[in-house]
Amino acid sequence: MGSDRVRVVWRKYDGSLHWNQPAWRLGEDEHGVWLGAPAGIPICRGHEPGTPAETAHALLFPRNGWWTAAFNAPPHRTAIYCDITTVPVWSAADEVTMIDLDLDVRRRRTGEIELLDTDEFAEHQLRYRYPPDVVAQAEAAAAWLESALRDGVEPFHSQYRHWLRLAADAADADAAPVDAPTVADAGEPTGHA
């Protein structure tokens, strides 16, 4: 495994900093770029201090999909959490950025599939004036993810397990101490559609 540390940055449509965390490059496959982070890694909301991750997790950034996915190790009660976003943009080899479009799809350990934050999505369509094509892409991504999670489409069935095993040891190859990521809060959203 390499020691490529990456800053992962989700922003809101107005460019404001949303979630952000460090992770380590695990590899790539037909589904996209996989990053991983061990339990305890700080996950920050905006500029707030980080909260330690409860468990190790693998992150998937598809090359052309309007979503990202987090695969959580047990005993986390959410097995898979997908954020509906703009297509992830690699602004540098060590930073991936996307715009969070509010909708989320998750699969609990019990197998329950949930579409989340539809009210926030409706509110932000007005507040941020999402263009019709962004709304359509977000809704299509959410519908596809609900179906893919329910039907066990890969990588959501079993392929993610390989990457999740690697995630637990992701930071070991990096000699630098793990602190909350440093991210500038630029006024323009990166990857704005």
N, C-alpha and C. Protein backbone atom coordinates (compact mmCIF):
# COMPACT_ATOMS: atom_id res chain seq x y z
N MET A 1 0.84 -1.18 0.00
CA MET A 1 0.00 0.00 0.00
C MET A 1 0.88 1.23 0.00
N GLY A 2 0.49 2.23 -0.75
CA GLY A 2 1.23 3.49 -0.79
C GLY A 2 0.93 4.35 0.42
N SER A 3 1.66 5.44 0.51
CA SER A 3 1.44 6.34 1.64
C SER A 3 0.90 7.68 1.16
N ASP A 4 0.14 7.67 0.08
CA ASP A 4 -0.37 8.91 -0.50
C ASP A 4 -1.54 9.44 0.32
N ARG A 5 -1.25 10.46 1.08
CA ARG A 5 -2.28 11.10 1.89
C ARG A 5 -3.07 12.04 0.99
N VAL A 6 -4.38 12.06 1.17
CA VAL A 6 -5.28 12.86 0.34
C VAL A 6 -6.21 13.65 1.25
N ARG A 7 -6.45 14.91 0.90
CA ARG A 7 -7.48 15.70 1.58
C ARG A 7 -8.79 15.47 0.83
N VAL A 8 -9.82 15.13 1.58
CA VAL A 8 -11.14 14.90 1.00
C VAL A 8 -12.02 16.05 1.45
N VAL A 9 -12.60 16.78 0.47
CA VAL A 9 -13.32 18.01 0.78
C VAL A 9 -14.69 18.01 0.11
N TRP A 10 -15.73 18.03 0.94
CA TRP A 10 -17.09 18.23 0.44
C TRP A 10 -17.45 19.68 0.73
N ARG A 11 -17.97 20.37 -0.27
CA ARG A 11 -18.43 21.75 -0.10
C ARG A 11 -19.92 21.82 -0.39
N LYS A 12 -20.54 22.89 0.05
CA LYS A 12 -21.93 23.16 -0.31
C LYS A 12 -21.92 23.93 -1.63
N TYR A 13 -23.08 24.08 -2.22
CA TYR A 13 -23.18 24.66 -3.57
C TYR A 13 -22.68 26.10 -3.62
N ASP A 14 -22.73 26.82 -2.49
CA ASP A 14 -22.23 28.20 -2.46
C ASP A 14 -20.72 28.27 -2.24
N GLY A 15 -20.06 27.12 -2.17
CA GLY A 15 -18.62 27.06 -2.00
C GLY A 15 -18.17 26.93 -0.57
N SER A 16 -19.07 27.03 0.38
CA SER A 16 -18.67 26.94 1.79
C SER A 16 -18.22 25.51 2.12
N LEU A 17 -17.27 25.45 3.02
CA LEU A 17 -16.72 24.17 3.45
C LEU A 17 -17.77 23.37 4.19
N HIS A 18 -17.91 22.09 3.84
CA HIS A 18 -18.87 21.20 4.50
C HIS A 18 -18.07 20.15 5.27
N TRP A 19 -18.09 18.90 4.89
CA TRP A 19 -17.30 17.86 5.55
C TRP A 19 -15.91 17.79 4.93
N ASN A 20 -14.92 17.42 5.74
CA ASN A 20 -13.56 17.26 5.24
C ASN A 20 -12.77 16.36 6.17
N GLN A 21 -11.84 15.63 5.58
CA GLN A 21 -11.04 14.68 6.36
C GLN A 21 -9.81 14.26 5.57
N PRO A 22 -8.80 13.74 6.27
CA PRO A 22 -7.69 13.12 5.56
C PRO A 22 -8.03 11.65 5.27
N ALA A 23 -7.44 11.13 4.23
CA ALA A 23 -7.56 9.71 3.91
C ALA A 23 -6.32 9.31 3.12
N TRP A 24 -6.17 8.02 2.87
CA TRP A 24 -4.99 7.52 2.17
C TRP A 24 -5.42 6.75 0.93
N ARG A 25 -4.69 6.96 -0.15
CA ARG A 25 -5.00 6.30 -1.42
C ARG A 25 -4.75 4.79 -1.26
N LEU A 26 -5.79 4.02 -1.56
CA LEU A 26 -5.70 2.57 -1.50
C LEU A 26 -5.49 1.96 -2.88
N GLY A 27 -6.08 2.57 -3.90
CA GLY A 27 -5.96 2.05 -5.25
C GLY A 27 -7.14 2.45 -6.11
N GLU A 28 -7.21 1.85 -7.29
CA GLU A 28 -8.29 2.14 -8.24
C GLU A 28 -8.79 0.83 -8.83
N ASP A 29 -10.03 0.83 -9.25
CA ASP A 29 -10.59 -0.28 -10.00
C ASP A 29 -11.64 0.27 -10.95
N GLU A 30 -12.44 -0.60 -11.52
CA GLU A 30 -13.43 -0.15 -12.50
C GLU A 30 -14.49 0.77 -11.90
N HIS A 31 -14.61 0.80 -10.57
CA HIS A 31 -15.62 1.64 -9.91
C HIS A 31 -15.12 3.05 -9.60
N GLY A 32 -13.80 3.23 -9.57
CA GLY A 32 -13.25 4.55 -9.28
C GLY A 32 -12.02 4.47 -8.41
N VAL A 33 -11.77 5.57 -7.70
CA VAL A 33 -10.61 5.70 -6.82
C VAL A 33 -11.05 5.40 -5.39
N TRP A 34 -10.28 4.54 -4.73
CA TRP A 34 -10.57 4.14 -3.37
C TRP A 34 -9.57 4.77 -2.41
N LEU A 35 -10.08 5.38 -1.36
CA LEU A 35 -9.27 5.91 -0.27
C LEU A 35 -9.69 5.21 1.01
N GLY A 36 -8.85 5.26 2.02
CA GLY A 36 -9.19 4.64 3.29
C GLY A 36 -8.71 5.46 4.46
N ALA A 37 -9.36 5.24 5.59
CA ALA A 37 -8.98 5.91 6.83
C ALA A 37 -9.24 4.97 8.01
N PRO A 38 -8.33 4.93 8.95
CA PRO A 38 -8.51 4.07 10.12
C PRO A 38 -9.47 4.70 11.13
N ALA A 39 -9.92 3.91 12.07
CA ALA A 39 -10.72 4.44 13.18
C ALA A 39 -9.91 5.54 13.87
N GLY A 40 -10.61 6.54 14.35
CA GLY A 40 -9.96 7.63 15.08
C GLY A 40 -9.53 8.80 14.24
N ILE A 41 -9.57 8.65 12.93
CA ILE A 41 -9.17 9.76 12.04
C ILE A 41 -10.15 10.92 12.26
N PRO A 42 -9.68 12.17 12.33
CA PRO A 42 -10.61 13.28 12.56
C PRO A 42 -11.45 13.60 11.31
N ILE A 43 -12.75 13.66 11.50
CA ILE A 43 -13.67 14.06 10.45
C ILE A 43 -14.27 15.40 10.89
N CYS A 44 -14.08 16.41 10.05
CA CYS A 44 -14.47 17.77 10.42
C CYS A 44 -15.70 18.22 9.65
N ARG A 45 -16.57 18.94 10.34
CA ARG A 45 -17.70 19.60 9.68
C ARG A 45 -17.34 21.07 9.58
N GLY A 46 -17.14 21.54 8.34
CA GLY A 46 -16.71 22.92 8.16
C GLY A 46 -15.37 23.13 8.82
N HIS A 47 -15.28 24.21 9.61
CA HIS A 47 -14.04 24.53 10.30
C HIS A 47 -14.06 24.10 11.76
N GLU A 48 -15.08 23.31 12.14
CA GLU A 48 -15.16 22.83 13.52
C GLU A 48 -14.05 21.81 13.78
N PRO A 49 -13.69 21.63 15.05
CA PRO A 49 -12.69 20.60 15.36
C PRO A 49 -13.21 19.23 14.92
N GLY A 50 -12.28 18.36 14.56
CA GLY A 50 -12.66 17.04 14.08
C GLY A 50 -13.20 16.14 15.17
N THR A 51 -14.09 15.26 14.76
CA THR A 51 -14.61 14.20 15.62
C THR A 51 -13.98 12.90 15.15
N PRO A 52 -13.41 12.11 16.06
CA PRO A 52 -12.75 10.88 15.64
C PRO A 52 -13.74 9.90 14.99
N ALA A 53 -13.35 9.32 13.86
CA ALA A 53 -14.18 8.31 13.21
C ALA A 53 -14.34 7.12 14.13
N GLU A 54 -15.56 6.64 14.23
CA GLU A 54 -15.87 5.51 15.11
C GLU A 54 -15.17 4.23 14.65
N THR A 55 -15.11 4.04 13.34
CA THR A 55 -14.51 2.82 12.78
C THR A 55 -13.69 3.18 11.54
N ALA A 56 -12.90 2.22 11.08
CA ALA A 56 -12.21 2.39 9.81
C ALA A 56 -13.26 2.49 8.70
N HIS A 57 -12.92 3.18 7.62
CA HIS A 57 -13.85 3.29 6.50
C HIS A 57 -13.08 3.44 5.19
N ALA A 58 -13.68 2.88 4.14
CA ALA A 58 -13.16 3.03 2.79
C ALA A 58 -14.07 3.99 2.06
N LEU A 59 -13.49 4.86 1.26
CA LEU A 59 -14.24 5.86 0.50
C LEU A 59 -14.06 5.59 -0.99
N LEU A 60 -15.14 5.67 -1.74
CA LEU A 60 -15.09 5.47 -3.18
C LEU A 60 -15.50 6.75 -3.89
N PHE A 61 -14.68 7.16 -4.86
CA PHE A 61 -14.94 8.34 -5.68
C PHE A 61 -15.02 7.89 -7.13
N PRO A 62 -16.25 7.73 -7.65
CA PRO A 62 -16.39 7.28 -9.04
C PRO A 62 -15.87 8.34 -10.00
N ARG A 63 -15.42 7.91 -11.15
CA ARG A 63 -14.85 8.84 -12.12
C ARG A 63 -15.91 9.74 -12.76
N ASN A 64 -17.12 9.24 -12.93
CA ASN A 64 -18.16 10.03 -13.60
C ASN A 64 -19.49 10.05 -12.86
N GLY A 65 -19.55 9.48 -11.67
CA GLY A 65 -20.80 9.41 -10.93
C GLY A 65 -21.07 10.66 -10.11
N TRP A 66 -22.34 10.94 -9.90
CA TRP A 66 -22.77 12.08 -9.09
C TRP A 66 -22.99 11.63 -7.65
N TRP A 67 -21.98 10.97 -7.08
CA TRP A 67 -22.08 10.45 -5.72
C TRP A 67 -20.69 10.07 -5.21
N THR A 68 -20.60 9.90 -3.91
CA THR A 68 -19.45 9.29 -3.26
C THR A 68 -20.00 8.27 -2.28
N ALA A 69 -19.18 7.32 -1.88
CA ALA A 69 -19.65 6.29 -0.94
C ALA A 69 -18.63 6.07 0.16
N ALA A 70 -19.14 5.87 1.37
CA ALA A 70 -18.32 5.49 2.52
C ALA A 70 -18.79 4.12 2.99
N PHE A 71 -17.83 3.21 3.12
CA PHE A 71 -18.10 1.84 3.57
C PHE A 71 -17.49 1.72 4.96
N ASN A 72 -18.32 1.54 5.97
CA ASN A 72 -17.88 1.55 7.36
C ASN A 72 -17.67 0.14 7.90
N ALA A 73 -16.58 -0.03 8.65
CA ALA A 73 -16.31 -1.31 9.30
C ALA A 73 -17.29 -1.51 10.46
N PRO A 74 -17.59 -2.77 10.77
CA PRO A 74 -18.39 -3.04 11.97
C PRO A 74 -17.61 -2.57 13.19
N PRO A 75 -18.24 -2.15 14.24
CA PRO A 75 -19.67 -2.29 14.51
C PRO A 75 -20.51 -1.07 14.13
N HIS A 76 -19.96 -0.18 13.31
CA HIS A 76 -20.74 1.00 12.91
C HIS A 76 -22.11 0.55 12.42
N ARG A 77 -23.17 1.22 12.85
CA ARG A 77 -24.53 0.77 12.51
C ARG A 77 -24.89 1.05 11.05
N THR A 78 -24.15 1.96 10.40
CA THR A 78 -24.36 2.21 8.97
C THR A 78 -23.26 1.49 8.20
N ALA A 79 -23.65 0.53 7.37
CA ALA A 79 -22.68 -0.22 6.59
C ALA A 79 -22.16 0.62 5.43
N ILE A 80 -23.09 1.28 4.70
CA ILE A 80 -22.72 2.07 3.53
C ILE A 80 -23.49 3.38 3.56
N TYR A 81 -22.77 4.48 3.35
CA TYR A 81 -23.38 5.81 3.33
C TYR A 81 -22.95 6.51 2.05
N CYS A 82 -23.92 6.86 1.21
CA CYS A 82 -23.62 7.51 -0.07
C CYS A 82 -24.11 8.95 -0.05
N ASP A 83 -23.23 9.86 -0.37
CA ASP A 83 -23.57 11.27 -0.52
C ASP A 83 -23.84 11.54 -2.00
N ILE A 84 -24.92 12.22 -2.29
CA ILE A 84 -25.17 12.67 -3.65
C ILE A 84 -24.38 13.96 -3.82
N THR A 85 -23.52 13.98 -4.83
CA THR A 85 -22.60 15.11 -5.03
C THR A 85 -22.45 15.38 -6.52
N THR A 86 -21.77 16.46 -6.83
CA THR A 86 -21.29 16.63 -8.19
C THR A 86 -20.20 15.58 -8.42
N VAL A 87 -19.80 15.38 -9.66
CA VAL A 87 -18.74 14.42 -9.96
C VAL A 87 -17.46 14.87 -9.23
N PRO A 88 -16.83 13.96 -8.47
CA PRO A 88 -15.61 14.33 -7.75
C PRO A 88 -14.53 14.85 -8.70
N VAL A 89 -13.85 15.91 -8.26
CA VAL A 89 -12.79 16.54 -9.05
C VAL A 89 -11.48 16.42 -8.28
N TRP A 90 -10.47 15.90 -8.96
CA TRP A 90 -9.12 15.81 -8.38
C TRP A 90 -8.39 17.09 -8.78
N SER A 91 -8.44 18.09 -7.88
CA SER A 91 -7.79 19.37 -8.16
C SER A 91 -6.28 19.26 -8.09
N ALA A 92 -5.79 18.23 -7.41
CA ALA A 92 -4.37 17.90 -7.31
C ALA A 92 -4.32 16.42 -6.96
N ALA A 93 -3.14 15.82 -7.03
CA ALA A 93 -3.01 14.40 -6.71
C ALA A 93 -3.38 14.12 -5.26
N ASP A 94 -3.27 15.16 -4.41
CA ASP A 94 -3.53 14.95 -2.99
C ASP A 94 -4.81 15.63 -2.50
N GLU A 95 -5.75 15.95 -3.41
CA GLU A 95 -7.02 16.55 -2.97
C GLU A 95 -8.14 16.20 -3.93
N VAL A 96 -9.23 15.73 -3.37
CA VAL A 96 -10.45 15.47 -4.14
C VAL A 96 -11.56 16.33 -3.53
N THR A 97 -12.31 16.99 -4.40
CA THR A 97 -13.35 17.91 -3.96
C THR A 97 -14.63 17.64 -4.73
N MET A 98 -15.76 17.81 -4.06
CA MET A 98 -17.05 17.70 -4.71
C MET A 98 -18.05 18.57 -3.96
N ILE A 99 -19.16 18.87 -4.64
CA ILE A 99 -20.23 19.67 -4.03
C ILE A 99 -21.29 18.72 -3.50
N ASP A 100 -21.58 18.81 -2.22
CA ASP A 100 -22.62 18.01 -1.60
C ASP A 100 -23.98 18.54 -2.04
N LEU A 101 -24.81 17.66 -2.59
CA LEU A 101 -26.13 18.06 -3.07
C LEU A 101 -27.24 17.55 -2.14
N ASP A 102 -26.92 17.41 -0.89
CA ASP A 102 -27.87 17.20 0.20
C ASP A 102 -28.40 15.78 0.34
N LEU A 103 -28.87 15.19 -0.74
CA LEU A 103 -29.46 13.85 -0.65
C LEU A 103 -28.40 12.83 -0.25
N ASP A 104 -28.82 11.86 0.55
CA ASP A 104 -27.95 10.77 0.98
C ASP A 104 -28.74 9.48 0.91
N VAL A 105 -28.05 8.40 0.64
CA VAL A 105 -28.66 7.07 0.66
C VAL A 105 -27.78 6.21 1.55
N ARG A 106 -28.42 5.51 2.50
CA ARG A 106 -27.61 4.67 3.37
C ARG A 106 -28.22 3.28 3.50
N ARG A 107 -27.32 2.33 3.78
CA ARG A 107 -27.75 0.97 4.10
C ARG A 107 -27.25 0.66 5.51
N ARG A 108 -28.21 0.39 6.38
CA ARG A 108 -27.88 0.02 7.75
C ARG A 108 -27.36 -1.42 7.79
N ARG A 109 -26.74 -1.81 8.87
CA ARG A 109 -26.28 -3.20 9.03
C ARG A 109 -27.46 -4.16 8.96
N THR A 110 -28.65 -3.69 9.31
CA THR A 110 -29.85 -4.54 9.27
C THR A 110 -30.31 -4.80 7.85
N GLY A 111 -29.75 -4.07 6.86
CA GLY A 111 -30.16 -4.19 5.47
C GLY A 111 -31.15 -3.12 5.04
N GLU A 112 -31.64 -2.32 5.99
CA GLU A 112 -32.59 -1.25 5.67
C GLU A 112 -31.92 -0.20 4.79
N ILE A 113 -32.59 0.19 3.70
CA ILE A 113 -32.11 1.23 2.78
C ILE A 113 -32.95 2.48 3.02
N GLU A 114 -32.29 3.63 3.16
CA GLU A 114 -33.00 4.88 3.41
C GLU A 114 -32.51 6.00 2.50
N LEU A 115 -33.44 6.77 1.96
CA LEU A 115 -33.13 8.02 1.27
C LEU A 115 -33.29 9.13 2.30
N LEU A 116 -32.25 9.93 2.47
CA LEU A 116 -32.23 10.94 3.53
C LEU A 116 -32.16 12.35 2.96
N ASP A 117 -32.61 13.30 3.77
CA ASP A 117 -32.44 14.74 3.54
C ASP A 117 -33.16 15.27 2.31
N THR A 118 -34.31 14.70 1.98
CA THR A 118 -35.10 15.21 0.86
C THR A 118 -35.61 16.62 1.15
N ASP A 119 -35.88 16.92 2.41
CA ASP A 119 -36.34 18.26 2.79
C ASP A 119 -35.23 19.29 2.59
N GLU A 120 -34.01 18.94 2.96
CA GLU A 120 -32.86 19.83 2.77
C GLU A 120 -32.60 20.06 1.27
N PHE A 121 -32.75 19.00 0.48
CA PHE A 121 -32.56 19.10 -0.97
C PHE A 121 -33.58 20.07 -1.56
N ALA A 122 -34.83 19.97 -1.14
CA ALA A 122 -35.88 20.88 -1.64
C ALA A 122 -35.59 22.32 -1.23
N GLU A 123 -35.19 22.50 0.03
CA GLU A 123 -34.88 23.85 0.53
C GLU A 123 -33.69 24.46 -0.22
N HIS A 124 -32.65 23.67 -0.44
CA HIS A 124 -31.45 24.19 -1.09
C HIS A 124 -31.63 24.42 -2.59
N GLN A 125 -32.58 23.75 -3.20
CA GLN A 125 -32.88 24.05 -4.60
C GLN A 125 -33.30 25.51 -4.74
N LEU A 126 -34.03 26.00 -3.74
CA LEU A 126 -34.46 27.40 -3.75
C LEU A 126 -33.33 28.33 -3.29
N ARG A 127 -32.69 27.97 -2.17
CA ARG A 127 -31.66 28.84 -1.60
C ARG A 127 -30.48 29.03 -2.56
N TYR A 128 -29.98 27.93 -3.11
CA TYR A 128 -28.79 27.98 -3.96
C TYR A 128 -29.11 28.05 -5.45
N ARG A 129 -30.38 27.96 -5.78
CA ARG A 129 -30.83 28.00 -7.18
C ARG A 129 -30.13 26.92 -8.03
N TYR A 130 -30.25 25.67 -7.55
CA TYR A 130 -29.69 24.57 -8.33
C TYR A 130 -30.28 24.60 -9.74
N PRO A 131 -29.47 24.52 -10.77
CA PRO A 131 -29.98 24.45 -12.14
C PRO A 131 -30.77 23.13 -12.34
N PRO A 132 -31.70 23.12 -13.27
CA PRO A 132 -32.50 21.91 -13.51
C PRO A 132 -31.66 20.66 -13.80
N ASP A 133 -30.53 20.81 -14.52
CA ASP A 133 -29.72 19.63 -14.82
C ASP A 133 -29.05 19.08 -13.56
N VAL A 134 -28.71 19.94 -12.61
CA VAL A 134 -28.12 19.48 -11.34
C VAL A 134 -29.18 18.73 -10.53
N VAL A 135 -30.39 19.26 -10.48
CA VAL A 135 -31.49 18.59 -9.78
C VAL A 135 -31.74 17.22 -10.40
N ALA A 136 -31.80 17.16 -11.73
CA ALA A 136 -32.06 15.89 -12.42
C ALA A 136 -30.94 14.87 -12.15
N GLN A 137 -29.69 15.31 -12.21
CA GLN A 137 -28.56 14.41 -11.95
C GLN A 137 -28.60 13.89 -10.51
N ALA A 138 -28.90 14.77 -9.56
CA ALA A 138 -28.95 14.37 -8.15
C ALA A 138 -30.07 13.36 -7.92
N GLU A 139 -31.24 13.62 -8.47
CA GLU A 139 -32.37 12.69 -8.30
C GLU A 139 -32.08 11.35 -8.96
N ALA A 140 -31.48 11.38 -10.14
CA ALA A 140 -31.14 10.13 -10.83
C ALA A 140 -30.10 9.33 -10.06
N ALA A 141 -29.10 10.00 -9.51
CA ALA A 141 -28.07 9.32 -8.72
C ALA A 141 -28.67 8.68 -7.47
N ALA A 142 -29.56 9.40 -6.79
CA ALA A 142 -30.20 8.87 -5.59
C ALA A 142 -31.03 7.64 -5.93
N ALA A 143 -31.80 7.70 -7.00
CA ALA A 143 -32.63 6.56 -7.41
C ALA A 143 -31.77 5.36 -7.77
N TRP A 144 -30.68 5.60 -8.51
CA TRP A 144 -29.79 4.50 -8.89
C TRP A 144 -29.16 3.87 -7.65
N LEU A 145 -28.70 4.70 -6.71
CA LEU A 145 -28.06 4.18 -5.50
C LEU A 145 -29.04 3.37 -4.65
N GLU A 146 -30.26 3.85 -4.50
CA GLU A 146 -31.26 3.09 -3.74
C GLU A 146 -31.42 1.69 -4.35
N SER A 147 -31.53 1.63 -5.65
CA SER A 147 -31.68 0.36 -6.34
C SER A 147 -30.42 -0.50 -6.22
N ALA A 148 -29.25 0.10 -6.44
CA ALA A 148 -27.99 -0.63 -6.38
C ALA A 148 -27.73 -1.21 -4.99
N LEU A 149 -28.04 -0.45 -3.95
CA LEU A 149 -27.85 -0.93 -2.58
C LEU A 149 -28.84 -2.05 -2.27
N ARG A 150 -30.07 -1.90 -2.71
CA ARG A 150 -31.10 -2.91 -2.46
C ARG A 150 -30.81 -4.21 -3.22
N ASP A 151 -30.34 -4.08 -4.47
CA ASP A 151 -30.14 -5.24 -5.34
C ASP A 151 -28.74 -5.85 -5.23
N GLY A 152 -27.88 -5.26 -4.43
CA GLY A 152 -26.53 -5.80 -4.27
C GLY A 152 -25.64 -5.66 -5.48
N VAL A 153 -25.82 -4.56 -6.23
CA VAL A 153 -24.96 -4.27 -7.38
C VAL A 153 -23.56 -3.94 -6.86
N GLU A 154 -22.54 -4.41 -7.56
CA GLU A 154 -21.17 -4.09 -7.15
C GLU A 154 -20.87 -2.62 -7.44
N PRO A 155 -20.10 -2.00 -6.58
CA PRO A 155 -19.26 -2.57 -5.54
C PRO A 155 -19.95 -2.72 -4.19
N PHE A 156 -21.28 -2.53 -4.16
CA PHE A 156 -22.01 -2.50 -2.90
C PHE A 156 -22.33 -3.87 -2.32
N HIS A 157 -22.10 -4.93 -3.09
CA HIS A 157 -22.39 -6.28 -2.61
C HIS A 157 -21.22 -6.82 -1.79
N SER A 158 -20.06 -6.97 -2.42
CA SER A 158 -18.93 -7.55 -1.69
C SER A 158 -17.58 -6.96 -2.08
N GLN A 159 -17.46 -6.35 -3.27
CA GLN A 159 -16.15 -5.87 -3.71
C GLN A 159 -15.56 -4.84 -2.76
N TYR A 160 -16.38 -4.07 -2.09
CA TYR A 160 -15.88 -3.04 -1.17
C TYR A 160 -15.11 -3.63 0.00
N ARG A 161 -15.36 -4.89 0.33
CA ARG A 161 -14.74 -5.50 1.52
C ARG A 161 -13.21 -5.54 1.41
N HIS A 162 -12.72 -5.78 0.21
CA HIS A 162 -11.27 -5.76 -0.01
C HIS A 162 -10.69 -4.41 0.41
N TRP A 163 -11.32 -3.33 -0.05
CA TRP A 163 -10.82 -1.98 0.24
C TRP A 163 -11.01 -1.63 1.71
N LEU A 164 -12.07 -2.10 2.32
CA LEU A 164 -12.31 -1.83 3.74
C LEU A 164 -11.25 -2.51 4.60
N ARG A 165 -10.82 -3.71 4.23
CA ARG A 165 -9.74 -4.37 4.98
C ARG A 165 -8.46 -3.54 4.92
N LEU A 166 -8.18 -2.96 3.76
CA LEU A 166 -6.98 -2.13 3.62
C LEU A 166 -7.10 -0.81 4.41
N ALA A 167 -8.31 -0.30 4.54
CA ALA A 167 -8.53 1.01 5.18
C ALA A 167 -8.08 1.03 6.63
N ALA A 168 -8.24 -0.07 7.34
CA ALA A 168 -7.89 -0.11 8.77
C ALA A 168 -6.41 0.21 8.99
N ASP A 169 -5.57 -0.15 8.02
CA ASP A 169 -4.13 0.09 8.14
C ASP A 169 -3.65 1.24 7.27
N ALA A 170 -4.57 2.03 6.74
CA ALA A 170 -4.24 3.05 5.75
C ALA A 170 -3.18 4.04 6.21
N ALA A 171 -3.25 4.51 7.42
CA ALA A 171 -2.34 5.56 7.88
C ALA A 171 -0.98 5.02 8.30
N ASP A 172 -0.85 3.71 8.47
CA ASP A 172 0.41 3.14 8.96
C ASP A 172 1.60 3.46 8.08
N ALA A 173 1.37 3.57 6.78
CA ALA A 173 2.48 3.83 5.85
C ALA A 173 2.90 5.29 5.83
N ASP A 174 2.12 6.15 6.46
CA ASP A 174 2.41 7.58 6.46
C ASP A 174 3.05 7.96 7.78
N ALA A 175 4.27 8.45 7.75
CA ALA A 175 4.99 8.77 8.98
C ALA A 175 4.51 10.07 9.62
N ALA A 176 3.81 10.92 8.86
CA ALA A 176 3.37 12.20 9.40
C ALA A 176 2.25 11.99 10.41
N PRO A 177 2.21 12.81 11.48
CA PRO A 177 1.10 12.70 12.43
C PRO A 177 -0.22 13.07 11.76
N VAL A 178 -1.30 12.50 12.26
CA VAL A 178 -2.62 12.74 11.68
C VAL A 178 -3.31 13.84 12.46
N ASP A 179 -3.50 14.97 11.81
CA ASP A 179 -4.25 16.08 12.38
C ASP A 179 -5.44 16.35 11.49
N ALA A 180 -6.30 17.23 11.93
CA ALA A 180 -7.42 17.62 11.07
C ALA A 180 -6.86 18.23 9.79
N PRO A 181 -7.51 17.98 8.65
CA PRO A 181 -6.99 18.52 7.39
C PRO A 181 -7.07 20.04 7.37
N THR A 182 -6.15 20.63 6.66
CA THR A 182 -6.17 22.08 6.47
C THR A 182 -6.77 22.36 5.11
N VAL A 183 -7.88 23.08 5.09
CA VAL A 183 -8.57 23.33 3.84
C VAL A 183 -8.97 24.80 3.81
N ALA A 184 -8.62 25.46 2.71
CA ALA A 184 -9.01 26.87 2.55
C ALA A 184 -10.49 26.93 2.25
N ASP A 185 -11.16 27.94 2.74
CA ASP A 185 -12.58 28.11 2.49
C ASP A 185 -12.77 29.14 1.37
N ALA A 186 -12.55 28.69 0.14
CA ALA A 186 -12.67 29.58 -1.02
C ALA A 186 -14.11 29.94 -1.28
N GLY A 187 -14.32 31.08 -1.91
CA GLY A 187 -15.67 31.53 -2.22
C GLY A 187 -16.31 30.82 -3.38
N GLU A 188 -15.52 30.28 -4.32
CA GLU A 188 -16.07 29.60 -5.49
C GLU A 188 -16.03 28.11 -5.28
N PRO A 189 -17.12 27.41 -5.53
CA PRO A 189 -17.10 25.96 -5.37
C PRO A 189 -16.25 25.30 -6.44
N THR A 190 -15.44 24.32 -6.02
CA THR A 190 -14.64 23.55 -6.95
C THR A 190 -15.54 22.52 -7.60
N GLY A 191 -15.46 22.36 -8.89
CA GLY A 191 -16.28 21.39 -9.58
C GLY A 191 -17.73 21.81 -9.74
N HIS A 192 -17.99 23.09 -9.60
CA HIS A 192 -19.36 23.62 -9.71
C HIS A 192 -19.94 23.30 -11.09
N ALA A 193 -21.12 22.67 -11.06
CA ALA A 193 -21.74 22.25 -12.32
C ALA A 193 -22.50 23.37 -12.98
